[in-house]
Amino acid sequence: MQSPTKEELEESIRELTEYKNRLEKEVVTISNKLKMPQKKIKSIIKSHIELNQIKIILSKLNKQKDNVTSTLTT
């Protein structure tokens, strides 16, 4: 299996970040409709399993992109 290119990694990071932002916005919107306090909304976002998994994946993708970038510059 071939390693992803820097461009492929950037595209994946961009799309996953957009998805994460949409998901967070959806949680906030629904929570606001339910008139939940802001503290509770933040707590929900922090404990949201899917959002946490996305953050972990984004971190890994960014590290991988950094490794590809540093390999290209050396």
Protein backbone atom coordinates (compact mmCIF):
# COMPACT_ATOMS: atom_id res chain seq x y z
CA MET A 1 0.00 0.00 0.00
CA GLN A 2 1.33 3.38 -0.97
CA SER A 3 1.68 6.17 1.57
CA PRO A 4 -0.68 9.11 1.08
CA THR A 5 0.69 12.27 -0.45
CA LYS A 6 0.79 15.58 1.39
CA GLU A 7 -2.12 16.80 -0.74
CA GLU A 8 -4.21 13.74 0.08
CA LEU A 9 -3.54 14.20 3.77
CA GLU A 10 -4.43 17.90 3.60
CA GLU A 11 -7.67 17.07 1.79
CA SER A 12 -8.58 14.45 4.39
CA ILE A 13 -7.77 16.85 7.22
CA ARG A 14 -9.84 19.60 5.63
CA GLU A 15 -12.87 17.36 5.06
CA LEU A 16 -12.70 15.80 8.49
CA THR A 17 -12.36 19.22 10.11
CA GLU A 18 -15.40 20.46 8.21
CA TYR A 19 -17.36 17.41 9.37
CA LYS A 20 -16.26 17.96 12.98
CA ASN A 21 -17.33 21.60 12.81
CA ARG A 22 -20.74 20.67 11.35
CA LEU A 23 -21.25 18.06 14.04
CA GLU A 24 -20.34 20.51 16.81
CA LYS A 25 -22.65 23.11 15.32
CA GLU A 26 -25.47 20.58 15.18
CA VAL A 27 -24.99 19.66 18.84
CA VAL A 28 -25.00 23.35 19.81
CA THR A 29 -28.07 24.11 17.72
CA ILE A 30 -30.08 21.24 19.18
CA SER A 31 -28.91 22.05 22.69
CA ASN A 32 -29.87 25.70 22.28
CA LYS A 33 -33.33 24.68 21.07
CA LEU A 34 -33.64 22.67 24.25
CA LYS A 35 -32.54 25.78 26.17
CA MET A 36 -29.63 24.01 27.77
CA PRO A 37 -27.05 26.07 29.67
CA GLN A 38 -23.77 26.81 27.85
CA LYS A 39 -21.80 24.84 30.46
CA LYS A 40 -23.87 21.77 29.73
CA ILE A 41 -23.43 22.22 25.98
CA LYS A 42 -19.64 22.44 26.38
CA SER A 43 -19.73 19.35 28.57
CA ILE A 44 -21.72 17.44 25.95
CA ILE A 45 -19.26 18.43 23.22
CA LYS A 46 -16.27 17.42 25.36
CA SER A 47 -17.77 14.02 26.12
CA HIS A 48 -19.16 13.36 22.64
CA ILE A 49 -17.62 10.05 21.54
CA GLU A 50 -17.62 10.72 17.81
CA LEU A 51 -16.15 14.21 18.20
CA ASN A 52 -13.40 12.84 20.41
CA GLN A 53 -12.60 10.12 17.88
CA ILE A 54 -12.44 12.71 15.11
CA LYS A 55 -10.05 14.85 17.16
CA ILE A 56 -7.76 11.85 17.68
CA ILE A 57 -7.82 11.00 13.97
CA LEU A 58 -7.12 14.63 13.05
CA SER A 59 -4.16 14.67 15.38
CA LYS A 60 -2.77 11.50 13.78
CA LEU A 61 -3.33 12.87 10.28
CA ASN A 62 -1.57 16.12 11.16
CA LYS A 63 1.41 14.21 12.55
CA GLN A 64 1.50 12.07 9.43
CA LYS A 65 1.36 15.18 7.25
CA ASP A 66 4.19 16.74 9.24
CA ASN A 67 6.26 13.60 8.73
CA VAL A 68 5.62 13.64 4.99
CA THR A 69 6.46 17.34 4.84
CA SER A 70 9.70 16.92 6.80
CA THR A 71 10.69 13.97 4.61
CA LEU A 72 10.16 16.08 1.49
CA THR A 73 12.27 18.96 2.81
CA THR A 74 15.25 16.86 3.87
